[in-house]
Amino acid sequence: MKVFMALIFTGILTENFVLAKFLGICPFLGVSRKLNTAMGMSAAVIFVMVLSTAVTYPINQHLLIKYELEYLQTIVFILIIAALVQLVEIVLKKYIKALYNSLGIYLPLITTNCAVLGVVFLNLDKSLTYSQSLVNSLGAGLGFMLAMFMFAGVRERMESCKVPKFLEGLPITLISAALVSVSFLGFGGIVENIFK
């Protein structure tokens, strides 16, 4: 149980894919203008991260490694992620049309979101078990959600602030993202000390 809690907390705080590893920046910057779209994107990413880990882990262990086809991992994993994203897109289009429309082009881009592919490969690199990989993916997804939630709040506040002309748009967005990222550096020592 301690290992699972450590995986979740490190995924959320110290190894946050967006704020510490800088993976998944495209949806982080593109969909974080409004809180509801940020949460919708985060839920979709969590779903795809956990489900892609659930599907790719056994395929990797029982097919690719068994038959010495590890060189196909990237292609196989991207195809699996693409299929899962299509599933999410179909469900959102049918049942949550407003969220589907607000996510726009960023929803299909989950297929190429390096955070989703990154969590699958990091699970393999860390030599985690199947259940640990699922928990790690959940923690990474929750960390993505936290980053999106925080940054959406920052961006909503920035809309009511007076920003100098030369910083409007992308420059102030990147500065704000950097400040939010720096705020997570302090969690490194805390989580390491808790789980010793």
N, C-alpha and C. Protein backbone atom coordinates (compact mmCIF):
# COMPACT_ATOMS: atom_id res chain seq x y z
N MET A 1 0.82 -1.20 0.00
CA MET A 1 0.00 0.00 0.00
C MET A 1 0.86 1.26 0.00
N LYS A 2 1.99 1.19 0.73
CA LYS A 2 2.89 2.32 0.82
C LYS A 2 3.47 2.66 -0.56
N VAL A 3 3.78 1.63 -1.34
CA VAL A 3 4.33 1.83 -2.68
C VAL A 3 3.30 2.52 -3.58
N PHE A 4 2.05 2.08 -3.48
CA PHE A 4 1.00 2.68 -4.30
C PHE A 4 0.78 4.15 -3.95
N MET A 5 0.79 4.45 -2.65
CA MET A 5 0.63 5.85 -2.23
C MET A 5 1.81 6.69 -2.71
N ALA A 6 3.01 6.14 -2.64
CA ALA A 6 4.20 6.85 -3.11
C ALA A 6 4.10 7.11 -4.61
N LEU A 7 3.62 6.13 -5.37
CA LEU A 7 3.48 6.31 -6.81
C LEU A 7 2.47 7.40 -7.14
N ILE A 8 1.36 7.42 -6.41
CA ILE A 8 0.34 8.44 -6.67
C ILE A 8 0.86 9.83 -6.32
N PHE A 9 1.47 9.96 -5.13
CA PHE A 9 1.94 11.28 -4.71
C PHE A 9 3.10 11.78 -5.58
N THR A 10 3.99 10.90 -5.97
CA THR A 10 5.08 11.36 -6.84
C THR A 10 4.55 11.73 -8.22
N GLY A 11 3.55 11.00 -8.71
CA GLY A 11 2.94 11.33 -10.00
C GLY A 11 2.24 12.68 -9.97
N ILE A 12 1.64 12.99 -8.84
CA ILE A 12 0.92 14.26 -8.72
C ILE A 12 1.86 15.42 -8.44
N LEU A 13 2.82 15.22 -7.55
CA LEU A 13 3.61 16.35 -7.06
C LEU A 13 5.02 16.42 -7.65
N THR A 14 5.86 15.43 -7.39
CA THR A 14 7.28 15.57 -7.73
C THR A 14 7.60 15.19 -9.17
N GLU A 15 6.89 14.24 -9.73
CA GLU A 15 7.14 13.84 -11.11
C GLU A 15 5.96 14.22 -11.99
N ASN A 16 5.39 15.37 -11.74
CA ASN A 16 4.26 15.85 -12.51
C ASN A 16 4.67 15.96 -13.98
N PHE A 17 3.92 15.32 -14.85
CA PHE A 17 4.30 15.26 -16.26
C PHE A 17 4.37 16.63 -16.91
N VAL A 18 3.47 17.51 -16.55
CA VAL A 18 3.44 18.83 -17.17
C VAL A 18 4.44 19.76 -16.51
N LEU A 19 4.42 19.84 -15.19
CA LEU A 19 5.19 20.86 -14.48
C LEU A 19 6.62 20.45 -14.14
N ALA A 20 6.93 19.16 -14.13
CA ALA A 20 8.29 18.72 -13.82
C ALA A 20 8.99 18.10 -15.03
N LYS A 21 8.24 17.34 -15.83
CA LYS A 21 8.84 16.67 -16.99
C LYS A 21 8.57 17.42 -18.29
N PHE A 22 7.67 18.37 -18.26
CA PHE A 22 7.31 19.20 -19.42
C PHE A 22 6.81 18.36 -20.59
N LEU A 23 6.00 17.38 -20.28
CA LEU A 23 5.33 16.56 -21.29
C LEU A 23 3.85 16.96 -21.32
N GLY A 24 3.25 16.95 -22.47
CA GLY A 24 1.84 17.30 -22.58
C GLY A 24 1.59 18.79 -22.54
N ILE A 25 2.55 19.57 -22.99
CA ILE A 25 2.44 21.03 -22.94
C ILE A 25 1.38 21.56 -23.92
N CYS A 26 1.20 20.90 -25.05
CA CYS A 26 0.25 21.38 -26.06
C CYS A 26 -1.16 21.52 -25.49
N PRO A 27 -1.77 20.48 -24.91
CA PRO A 27 -3.09 20.68 -24.33
C PRO A 27 -3.06 21.56 -23.09
N PHE A 28 -1.94 21.55 -22.37
CA PHE A 28 -1.80 22.38 -21.18
C PHE A 28 -1.94 23.85 -21.54
N LEU A 29 -1.32 24.27 -22.61
CA LEU A 29 -1.42 25.67 -23.03
C LEU A 29 -2.68 25.94 -23.85
N GLY A 30 -3.13 24.94 -24.60
CA GLY A 30 -4.23 25.17 -25.53
C GLY A 30 -5.62 25.08 -24.93
N VAL A 31 -5.82 24.25 -23.93
CA VAL A 31 -7.17 24.00 -23.43
C VAL A 31 -7.36 24.56 -22.02
N SER A 32 -6.38 25.24 -21.49
CA SER A 32 -6.47 25.69 -20.10
C SER A 32 -7.05 27.08 -19.93
N ARG A 33 -7.75 27.59 -20.93
CA ARG A 33 -8.33 28.94 -20.81
C ARG A 33 -9.56 28.94 -19.89
N LYS A 34 -10.32 27.88 -19.93
CA LYS A 34 -11.53 27.78 -19.11
C LYS A 34 -11.45 26.53 -18.25
N LEU A 35 -11.96 26.64 -17.05
CA LEU A 35 -11.88 25.55 -16.09
C LEU A 35 -12.62 24.30 -16.55
N ASN A 36 -13.80 24.47 -17.14
CA ASN A 36 -14.59 23.29 -17.54
C ASN A 36 -13.93 22.51 -18.67
N THR A 37 -13.32 23.21 -19.65
CA THR A 37 -12.64 22.48 -20.72
C THR A 37 -11.35 21.84 -20.21
N ALA A 38 -10.68 22.50 -19.27
CA ALA A 38 -9.47 21.92 -18.68
C ALA A 38 -9.80 20.63 -17.94
N MET A 39 -10.91 20.63 -17.21
CA MET A 39 -11.30 19.42 -16.48
C MET A 39 -11.74 18.32 -17.44
N GLY A 40 -12.44 18.69 -18.50
CA GLY A 40 -12.85 17.69 -19.49
C GLY A 40 -11.66 17.04 -20.17
N MET A 41 -10.69 17.86 -20.56
CA MET A 41 -9.47 17.33 -21.18
C MET A 41 -8.72 16.45 -20.20
N SER A 42 -8.64 16.88 -18.95
CA SER A 42 -7.92 16.10 -17.93
C SER A 42 -8.58 14.74 -17.71
N ALA A 43 -9.89 14.72 -17.65
CA ALA A 43 -10.59 13.44 -17.48
C ALA A 43 -10.32 12.52 -18.66
N ALA A 44 -10.33 13.08 -19.87
CA ALA A 44 -10.05 12.27 -21.05
C ALA A 44 -8.61 11.74 -21.02
N VAL A 45 -7.66 12.57 -20.60
CA VAL A 45 -6.26 12.14 -20.54
C VAL A 45 -6.07 11.08 -19.47
N ILE A 46 -6.70 11.24 -18.31
CA ILE A 46 -6.61 10.22 -17.26
C ILE A 46 -7.14 8.88 -17.77
N PHE A 47 -8.30 8.92 -18.40
CA PHE A 47 -8.91 7.71 -18.94
C PHE A 47 -7.97 7.04 -19.94
N VAL A 48 -7.42 7.83 -20.87
CA VAL A 48 -6.54 7.26 -21.89
C VAL A 48 -5.24 6.76 -21.28
N MET A 49 -4.68 7.49 -20.30
CA MET A 49 -3.43 7.04 -19.66
C MET A 49 -3.60 5.69 -18.97
N VAL A 50 -4.63 5.59 -18.16
CA VAL A 50 -4.84 4.35 -17.40
C VAL A 50 -5.20 3.19 -18.34
N LEU A 51 -6.10 3.45 -19.28
CA LEU A 51 -6.51 2.38 -20.18
C LEU A 51 -5.38 1.97 -21.12
N SER A 52 -4.58 2.93 -21.58
CA SER A 52 -3.46 2.57 -22.46
C SER A 52 -2.42 1.74 -21.70
N THR A 53 -2.21 2.06 -20.44
CA THR A 53 -1.30 1.24 -19.63
C THR A 53 -1.88 -0.16 -19.44
N ALA A 54 -3.18 -0.22 -19.17
CA ALA A 54 -3.83 -1.52 -18.96
C ALA A 54 -3.74 -2.41 -20.19
N VAL A 55 -3.74 -1.80 -21.37
CA VAL A 55 -3.70 -2.59 -22.61
C VAL A 55 -2.27 -2.84 -23.07
N THR A 56 -1.40 -1.82 -22.99
CA THR A 56 -0.05 -1.97 -23.54
C THR A 56 0.84 -2.86 -22.69
N TYR A 57 0.66 -2.84 -21.37
CA TYR A 57 1.53 -3.64 -20.50
C TYR A 57 1.47 -5.14 -20.84
N PRO A 58 0.26 -5.73 -20.88
CA PRO A 58 0.23 -7.17 -21.22
C PRO A 58 0.69 -7.45 -22.65
N ILE A 59 0.37 -6.56 -23.58
CA ILE A 59 0.82 -6.77 -24.97
C ILE A 59 2.34 -6.75 -25.02
N ASN A 60 2.94 -5.81 -24.30
CA ASN A 60 4.40 -5.73 -24.27
C ASN A 60 5.02 -6.97 -23.63
N GLN A 61 4.47 -7.38 -22.47
CA GLN A 61 5.04 -8.51 -21.73
C GLN A 61 4.83 -9.85 -22.44
N HIS A 62 3.63 -10.07 -22.96
CA HIS A 62 3.28 -11.39 -23.47
C HIS A 62 3.41 -11.54 -24.98
N LEU A 63 3.65 -10.44 -25.67
CA LEU A 63 3.76 -10.54 -27.12
C LEU A 63 5.10 -9.96 -27.61
N LEU A 64 5.34 -8.69 -27.32
CA LEU A 64 6.53 -8.05 -27.86
C LEU A 64 7.82 -8.60 -27.25
N ILE A 65 7.87 -8.72 -25.93
CA ILE A 65 9.09 -9.24 -25.29
C ILE A 65 9.23 -10.74 -25.56
N LYS A 66 8.13 -11.46 -25.47
CA LYS A 66 8.17 -12.91 -25.65
C LYS A 66 8.71 -13.30 -27.03
N TYR A 67 8.32 -12.54 -28.06
CA TYR A 67 8.75 -12.86 -29.42
C TYR A 67 9.87 -11.92 -29.92
N GLU A 68 10.54 -11.25 -28.96
CA GLU A 68 11.66 -10.35 -29.25
C GLU A 68 11.30 -9.29 -30.30
N LEU A 69 10.18 -8.65 -30.10
CA LEU A 69 9.71 -7.59 -31.00
C LEU A 69 9.68 -6.24 -30.29
N GLU A 70 10.59 -6.03 -29.34
CA GLU A 70 10.60 -4.79 -28.57
C GLU A 70 10.78 -3.56 -29.44
N TYR A 71 11.41 -3.73 -30.61
CA TYR A 71 11.63 -2.59 -31.50
C TYR A 71 10.31 -2.03 -32.07
N LEU A 72 9.23 -2.76 -31.91
CA LEU A 72 7.91 -2.30 -32.39
C LEU A 72 7.10 -1.58 -31.30
N GLN A 73 7.68 -1.41 -30.11
CA GLN A 73 6.94 -0.84 -28.99
C GLN A 73 6.31 0.51 -29.32
N THR A 74 7.08 1.42 -29.87
CA THR A 74 6.57 2.76 -30.14
C THR A 74 5.38 2.72 -31.09
N ILE A 75 5.49 1.97 -32.16
CA ILE A 75 4.41 1.89 -33.15
C ILE A 75 3.18 1.25 -32.54
N VAL A 76 3.36 0.15 -31.85
CA VAL A 76 2.23 -0.56 -31.24
C VAL A 76 1.54 0.31 -30.19
N PHE A 77 2.33 0.97 -29.36
CA PHE A 77 1.76 1.80 -28.30
C PHE A 77 0.99 2.98 -28.89
N ILE A 78 1.52 3.62 -29.93
CA ILE A 78 0.82 4.75 -30.54
C ILE A 78 -0.49 4.28 -31.17
N LEU A 79 -0.48 3.12 -31.80
CA LEU A 79 -1.72 2.59 -32.39
C LEU A 79 -2.77 2.31 -31.33
N ILE A 80 -2.35 1.75 -30.21
CA ILE A 80 -3.29 1.46 -29.11
C ILE A 80 -3.84 2.76 -28.55
N ILE A 81 -2.98 3.75 -28.32
CA ILE A 81 -3.42 5.04 -27.80
C ILE A 81 -4.37 5.72 -28.78
N ALA A 82 -4.08 5.64 -30.07
CA ALA A 82 -4.95 6.25 -31.09
C ALA A 82 -6.34 5.61 -31.06
N ALA A 83 -6.38 4.30 -30.91
CA ALA A 83 -7.68 3.61 -30.85
C ALA A 83 -8.46 4.03 -29.61
N LEU A 84 -7.78 4.17 -28.48
CA LEU A 84 -8.46 4.59 -27.25
C LEU A 84 -8.96 6.03 -27.34
N VAL A 85 -8.17 6.89 -27.98
CA VAL A 85 -8.61 8.28 -28.16
C VAL A 85 -9.84 8.34 -29.06
N GLN A 86 -9.87 7.51 -30.08
CA GLN A 86 -11.05 7.46 -30.94
C GLN A 86 -12.28 7.03 -30.15
N LEU A 87 -12.10 6.09 -29.24
CA LEU A 87 -13.19 5.66 -28.37
C LEU A 87 -13.69 6.82 -27.52
N VAL A 88 -12.76 7.56 -26.91
CA VAL A 88 -13.13 8.72 -26.09
C VAL A 88 -13.85 9.75 -26.94
N GLU A 89 -13.33 10.00 -28.13
CA GLU A 89 -13.94 10.99 -29.02
C GLU A 89 -15.37 10.60 -29.40
N ILE A 90 -15.59 9.34 -29.70
CA ILE A 90 -16.94 8.87 -30.06
C ILE A 90 -17.90 9.03 -28.89
N VAL A 91 -17.45 8.66 -27.69
CA VAL A 91 -18.30 8.78 -26.49
C VAL A 91 -18.64 10.24 -26.21
N LEU A 92 -17.64 11.12 -26.26
CA LEU A 92 -17.89 12.54 -26.00
C LEU A 92 -18.81 13.15 -27.05
N LYS A 93 -18.61 12.78 -28.30
CA LYS A 93 -19.44 13.33 -29.38
C LYS A 93 -20.89 12.91 -29.23
N LYS A 94 -21.09 11.69 -28.73
CA LYS A 94 -22.45 11.19 -28.60
C LYS A 94 -23.14 11.67 -27.32
N TYR A 95 -22.41 11.70 -26.19
CA TYR A 95 -23.04 11.96 -24.90
C TYR A 95 -22.75 13.33 -24.31
N ILE A 96 -21.61 13.93 -24.62
CA ILE A 96 -21.25 15.23 -24.04
C ILE A 96 -20.81 16.14 -25.18
N LYS A 97 -21.77 16.52 -26.01
CA LYS A 97 -21.49 17.29 -27.24
C LYS A 97 -20.83 18.63 -26.95
N ALA A 98 -21.24 19.32 -25.88
CA ALA A 98 -20.66 20.63 -25.57
C ALA A 98 -19.18 20.52 -25.26
N LEU A 99 -18.80 19.53 -24.47
CA LEU A 99 -17.39 19.32 -24.14
C LEU A 99 -16.61 18.92 -25.39
N TYR A 100 -17.21 18.07 -26.21
CA TYR A 100 -16.57 17.65 -27.46
C TYR A 100 -16.27 18.87 -28.34
N ASN A 101 -17.23 19.78 -28.45
CA ASN A 101 -17.03 20.98 -29.27
C ASN A 101 -16.00 21.93 -28.65
N SER A 102 -16.00 22.06 -27.34
CA SER A 102 -15.07 22.99 -26.69
C SER A 102 -13.62 22.48 -26.74
N LEU A 103 -13.42 21.16 -26.74
CA LEU A 103 -12.06 20.62 -26.82
C LEU A 103 -11.48 20.75 -28.22
N GLY A 104 -12.35 20.70 -29.22
CA GLY A 104 -11.92 20.93 -30.59
C GLY A 104 -10.79 20.01 -31.04
N ILE A 105 -9.78 20.62 -31.64
CA ILE A 105 -8.66 19.87 -32.20
C ILE A 105 -7.80 19.21 -31.13
N TYR A 106 -7.89 19.67 -29.89
CA TYR A 106 -7.03 19.13 -28.85
C TYR A 106 -7.43 17.72 -28.43
N LEU A 107 -8.66 17.33 -28.66
CA LEU A 107 -9.09 15.97 -28.31
C LEU A 107 -8.37 14.92 -29.16
N PRO A 108 -8.37 15.03 -30.49
CA PRO A 108 -7.60 14.03 -31.25
C PRO A 108 -6.10 14.12 -31.01
N LEU A 109 -5.63 15.27 -30.55
CA LEU A 109 -4.20 15.42 -30.28
C LEU A 109 -3.74 14.63 -29.05
N ILE A 110 -4.69 14.08 -28.27
CA ILE A 110 -4.28 13.21 -27.17
C ILE A 110 -3.51 12.02 -27.72
N THR A 111 -3.82 11.63 -28.96
CA THR A 111 -3.11 10.51 -29.59
C THR A 111 -1.61 10.76 -29.61
N THR A 112 -1.23 11.99 -29.91
CA THR A 112 0.20 12.31 -29.99
C THR A 112 0.68 13.05 -28.75
N ASN A 113 -0.13 13.07 -27.71
CA ASN A 113 0.28 13.71 -26.46
C ASN A 113 1.42 12.91 -25.86
N CYS A 114 2.56 13.55 -25.74
CA CYS A 114 3.74 12.82 -25.27
C CYS A 114 3.59 12.39 -23.81
N ALA A 115 2.70 13.01 -23.05
CA ALA A 115 2.50 12.58 -21.67
C ALA A 115 1.86 11.19 -21.63
N VAL A 116 0.94 10.92 -22.52
CA VAL A 116 0.28 9.61 -22.55
C VAL A 116 1.27 8.53 -22.96
N LEU A 117 2.03 8.79 -24.02
CA LEU A 117 3.04 7.83 -24.45
C LEU A 117 4.17 7.75 -23.43
N GLY A 118 4.48 8.89 -22.82
CA GLY A 118 5.55 8.94 -21.83
C GLY A 118 5.26 8.07 -20.62
N VAL A 119 4.03 8.09 -20.13
CA VAL A 119 3.70 7.29 -18.95
C VAL A 119 3.82 5.80 -19.25
N VAL A 120 3.46 5.40 -20.46
CA VAL A 120 3.58 3.99 -20.84
C VAL A 120 5.05 3.56 -20.85
N PHE A 121 5.91 4.39 -21.44
CA PHE A 121 7.33 4.05 -21.49
C PHE A 121 8.01 4.16 -20.12
N LEU A 122 7.62 5.14 -19.33
CA LEU A 122 8.22 5.27 -17.99
C LEU A 122 7.84 4.10 -17.09
N ASN A 123 6.65 3.57 -17.26
CA ASN A 123 6.27 2.38 -16.51
C ASN A 123 7.20 1.21 -16.85
N LEU A 124 7.55 1.10 -18.13
CA LEU A 124 8.47 0.04 -18.53
C LEU A 124 9.88 0.31 -18.04
N ASP A 125 10.31 1.56 -18.12
CA ASP A 125 11.67 1.91 -17.69
C ASP A 125 11.87 1.71 -16.19
N LYS A 126 10.81 1.96 -15.41
CA LYS A 126 10.90 1.78 -13.96
C LYS A 126 10.74 0.32 -13.54
N SER A 127 10.45 -0.56 -14.50
CA SER A 127 10.23 -1.99 -14.23
C SER A 127 9.13 -2.20 -13.19
N LEU A 128 8.04 -1.48 -13.36
CA LEU A 128 6.91 -1.61 -12.43
C LEU A 128 6.09 -2.84 -12.78
N THR A 129 5.41 -3.38 -11.78
CA THR A 129 4.48 -4.48 -12.02
C THR A 129 3.23 -3.92 -12.69
N TYR A 130 2.34 -4.81 -13.07
CA TYR A 130 1.12 -4.38 -13.75
C TYR A 130 0.29 -3.45 -12.87
N SER A 131 0.05 -3.84 -11.62
CA SER A 131 -0.76 -3.00 -10.73
C SER A 131 -0.04 -1.70 -10.39
N GLN A 132 1.28 -1.74 -10.22
CA GLN A 132 2.02 -0.51 -9.97
C GLN A 132 1.98 0.42 -11.18
N SER A 133 2.02 -0.15 -12.38
CA SER A 133 1.93 0.65 -13.59
C SER A 133 0.59 1.36 -13.69
N LEU A 134 -0.48 0.64 -13.34
CA LEU A 134 -1.81 1.26 -13.38
C LEU A 134 -1.91 2.41 -12.37
N VAL A 135 -1.38 2.19 -11.17
CA VAL A 135 -1.41 3.24 -10.14
C VAL A 135 -0.54 4.42 -10.54
N ASN A 136 0.63 4.13 -11.12
CA ASN A 136 1.51 5.20 -11.59
C ASN A 136 0.83 6.02 -12.68
N SER A 137 0.13 5.35 -13.58
CA SER A 137 -0.60 6.06 -14.65
C SER A 137 -1.71 6.92 -14.07
N LEU A 138 -2.41 6.39 -13.07
CA LEU A 138 -3.44 7.18 -12.42
C LEU A 138 -2.84 8.41 -11.74
N GLY A 139 -1.73 8.23 -11.04
CA GLY A 139 -1.06 9.36 -10.40
C GLY A 139 -0.60 10.40 -11.41
N ALA A 140 -0.05 9.93 -12.54
CA ALA A 140 0.39 10.85 -13.60
C ALA A 140 -0.81 11.61 -14.17
N GLY A 141 -1.92 10.91 -14.36
CA GLY A 141 -3.13 11.57 -14.85
C GLY A 141 -3.69 12.58 -13.87
N LEU A 142 -3.67 12.23 -12.59
CA LEU A 142 -4.13 13.17 -11.57
C LEU A 142 -3.20 14.38 -11.48
N GLY A 143 -1.91 14.15 -11.67
CA GLY A 143 -0.96 15.26 -11.72
C GLY A 143 -1.23 16.17 -12.90
N PHE A 144 -1.56 15.57 -14.04
CA PHE A 144 -1.93 16.35 -15.23
C PHE A 144 -3.17 17.18 -14.95
N MET A 145 -4.15 16.55 -14.27
CA MET A 145 -5.38 17.26 -13.93
C MET A 145 -5.11 18.42 -12.98
N LEU A 146 -4.28 18.19 -11.98
CA LEU A 146 -3.95 19.25 -11.04
C LEU A 146 -3.28 20.43 -11.75
N ALA A 147 -2.33 20.12 -12.64
CA ALA A 147 -1.65 21.17 -13.38
C ALA A 147 -2.64 21.95 -14.25
N MET A 148 -3.52 21.24 -14.93
CA MET A 148 -4.53 21.90 -15.77
C MET A 148 -5.47 22.76 -14.93
N PHE A 149 -5.90 22.22 -13.80
CA PHE A 149 -6.82 22.94 -12.91
C PHE A 149 -6.17 24.22 -12.39
N MET A 150 -4.94 24.10 -11.91
CA MET A 150 -4.24 25.28 -11.38
C MET A 150 -4.01 26.32 -12.47
N PHE A 151 -3.56 25.86 -13.62
CA PHE A 151 -3.22 26.82 -14.67
C PHE A 151 -4.48 27.46 -15.27
N ALA A 152 -5.57 26.71 -15.32
CA ALA A 152 -6.83 27.30 -15.79
C ALA A 152 -7.28 28.40 -14.85
N GLY A 153 -7.11 28.18 -13.54
CA GLY A 153 -7.42 29.23 -12.57
C GLY A 153 -6.55 30.45 -12.74
N VAL A 154 -5.26 30.23 -12.97
CA VAL A 154 -4.32 31.35 -13.19
C VAL A 154 -4.71 32.12 -14.44
N ARG A 155 -5.03 31.39 -15.51
CA ARG A 155 -5.38 32.07 -16.77
C ARG A 155 -6.69 32.83 -16.68
N GLU A 156 -7.66 32.28 -15.94
CA GLU A 156 -8.92 33.02 -15.75
C GLU A 156 -8.69 34.29 -14.97
N ARG A 157 -7.79 34.23 -13.98
CA ARG A 157 -7.45 35.44 -13.21
C ARG A 157 -6.71 36.45 -14.08
N MET A 158 -5.84 35.97 -14.97
CA MET A 158 -5.06 36.86 -15.83
C MET A 158 -5.93 37.67 -16.79
N GLU A 159 -7.08 37.11 -17.15
CA GLU A 159 -7.97 37.83 -18.07
C GLU A 159 -8.50 39.11 -17.46
N SER A 160 -8.59 39.17 -16.14
CA SER A 160 -9.07 40.39 -15.49
C SER A 160 -7.95 41.33 -15.08
N CYS A 161 -6.69 40.92 -15.35
CA CYS A 161 -5.54 41.76 -14.98
C CYS A 161 -5.10 42.60 -16.18
N LYS A 162 -4.51 43.71 -15.85
CA LYS A 162 -3.95 44.56 -16.90
C LYS A 162 -2.51 44.13 -17.14
N VAL A 163 -2.23 43.60 -18.32
CA VAL A 163 -0.92 43.09 -18.69
C VAL A 163 -0.29 44.07 -19.66
N PRO A 164 1.00 44.36 -19.50
CA PRO A 164 1.66 45.24 -20.48
C PRO A 164 1.50 44.71 -21.90
N LYS A 165 1.39 45.60 -22.86
CA LYS A 165 1.10 45.24 -24.25
C LYS A 165 2.08 44.20 -24.80
N PHE A 166 3.38 44.37 -24.50
CA PHE A 166 4.38 43.46 -25.06
C PHE A 166 4.34 42.07 -24.44
N LEU A 167 3.62 41.89 -23.34
CA LEU A 167 3.51 40.58 -22.71
C LEU A 167 2.17 39.89 -22.97
N GLU A 168 1.26 40.54 -23.66
CA GLU A 168 -0.06 39.95 -23.89
C GLU A 168 0.04 38.69 -24.74
N GLY A 169 -0.87 37.78 -24.47
CA GLY A 169 -0.93 36.54 -25.25
C GLY A 169 0.02 35.47 -24.75
N LEU A 170 0.79 34.90 -25.66
CA LEU A 170 1.67 33.78 -25.34
C LEU A 170 2.78 34.13 -24.34
N PRO A 171 3.42 35.31 -24.42
CA PRO A 171 4.49 35.58 -23.44
C PRO A 171 4.03 35.50 -21.98
N ILE A 172 2.92 36.14 -21.64
CA ILE A 172 2.45 36.10 -20.25
C ILE A 172 1.97 34.70 -19.87
N THR A 173 1.46 33.96 -20.86
CA THR A 173 1.04 32.59 -20.61
C THR A 173 2.25 31.72 -20.25
N LEU A 174 3.33 31.87 -20.98
CA LEU A 174 4.54 31.08 -20.70
C LEU A 174 5.18 31.49 -19.38
N ILE A 175 5.17 32.76 -19.07
CA ILE A 175 5.71 33.22 -17.79
C ILE A 175 4.88 32.64 -16.64
N SER A 176 3.58 32.67 -16.79
CA SER A 176 2.69 32.11 -15.77
C SER A 176 2.90 30.60 -15.61
N ALA A 177 3.05 29.90 -16.73
CA ALA A 177 3.30 28.45 -16.67
C ALA A 177 4.62 28.16 -15.95
N ALA A 178 5.63 28.98 -16.20
CA ALA A 178 6.92 28.79 -15.53
C ALA A 178 6.79 29.00 -14.03
N LEU A 179 6.03 30.00 -13.62
CA LEU A 179 5.85 30.27 -12.19
C LEU A 179 5.07 29.14 -11.51
N VAL A 180 4.06 28.63 -12.18
CA VAL A 180 3.31 27.50 -11.62
C VAL A 180 4.23 26.29 -11.51
N SER A 181 5.09 26.08 -12.51
CA SER A 181 6.03 24.96 -12.50
C SER A 181 7.03 25.09 -11.36
N VAL A 182 7.55 26.30 -11.14
CA VAL A 182 8.51 26.52 -10.06
C VAL A 182 7.87 26.24 -8.70
N SER A 183 6.58 26.50 -8.59
CA SER A 183 5.91 26.26 -7.32
C SER A 183 5.91 24.78 -6.92
N PHE A 184 6.11 23.89 -7.88
CA PHE A 184 6.11 22.45 -7.59
C PHE A 184 7.48 21.93 -7.19
N LEU A 185 8.53 22.72 -7.35
CA LEU A 185 9.87 22.25 -7.00
C LEU A 185 10.00 21.94 -5.51
N GLY A 186 9.28 22.65 -4.67
CA GLY A 186 9.37 22.43 -3.23
C GLY A 186 8.84 21.10 -2.76
N PHE A 187 8.02 20.44 -3.58
CA PHE A 187 7.45 19.16 -3.16
C PHE A 187 8.46 18.01 -3.24
N GLY A 188 9.57 18.20 -3.94
CA GLY A 188 10.55 17.13 -4.13
C GLY A 188 11.04 16.54 -2.83
N GLY A 189 11.50 17.37 -1.91
CA GLY A 189 12.02 16.88 -0.64
C GLY A 189 10.95 16.35 0.28
N ILE A 190 9.77 16.92 0.21
CA ILE A 190 8.68 16.49 1.11
C ILE A 190 8.29 15.04 0.81
N VAL A 191 8.02 14.73 -0.46
CA VAL A 191 7.57 13.39 -0.81
C VAL A 191 8.67 12.38 -0.56
N GLU A 192 9.93 12.74 -0.83
CA GLU A 192 11.02 11.80 -0.58
C GLU A 192 11.14 11.46 0.89
N ASN A 193 10.96 12.45 1.77
CA ASN A 193 11.07 12.22 3.22
C ASN A 193 9.89 11.43 3.77
N ILE A 194 8.72 11.60 3.20
CA ILE A 194 7.53 10.89 3.70
C ILE A 194 7.67 9.39 3.51
N PHE A 195 8.22 8.97 2.37
CA PHE A 195 8.20 7.55 2.04
C PHE A 195 9.55 6.87 2.25
N LYS A 196 10.36 7.37 3.19
CA LYS A 196 11.62 6.70 3.51
C LYS A 196 11.39 5.58 4.50
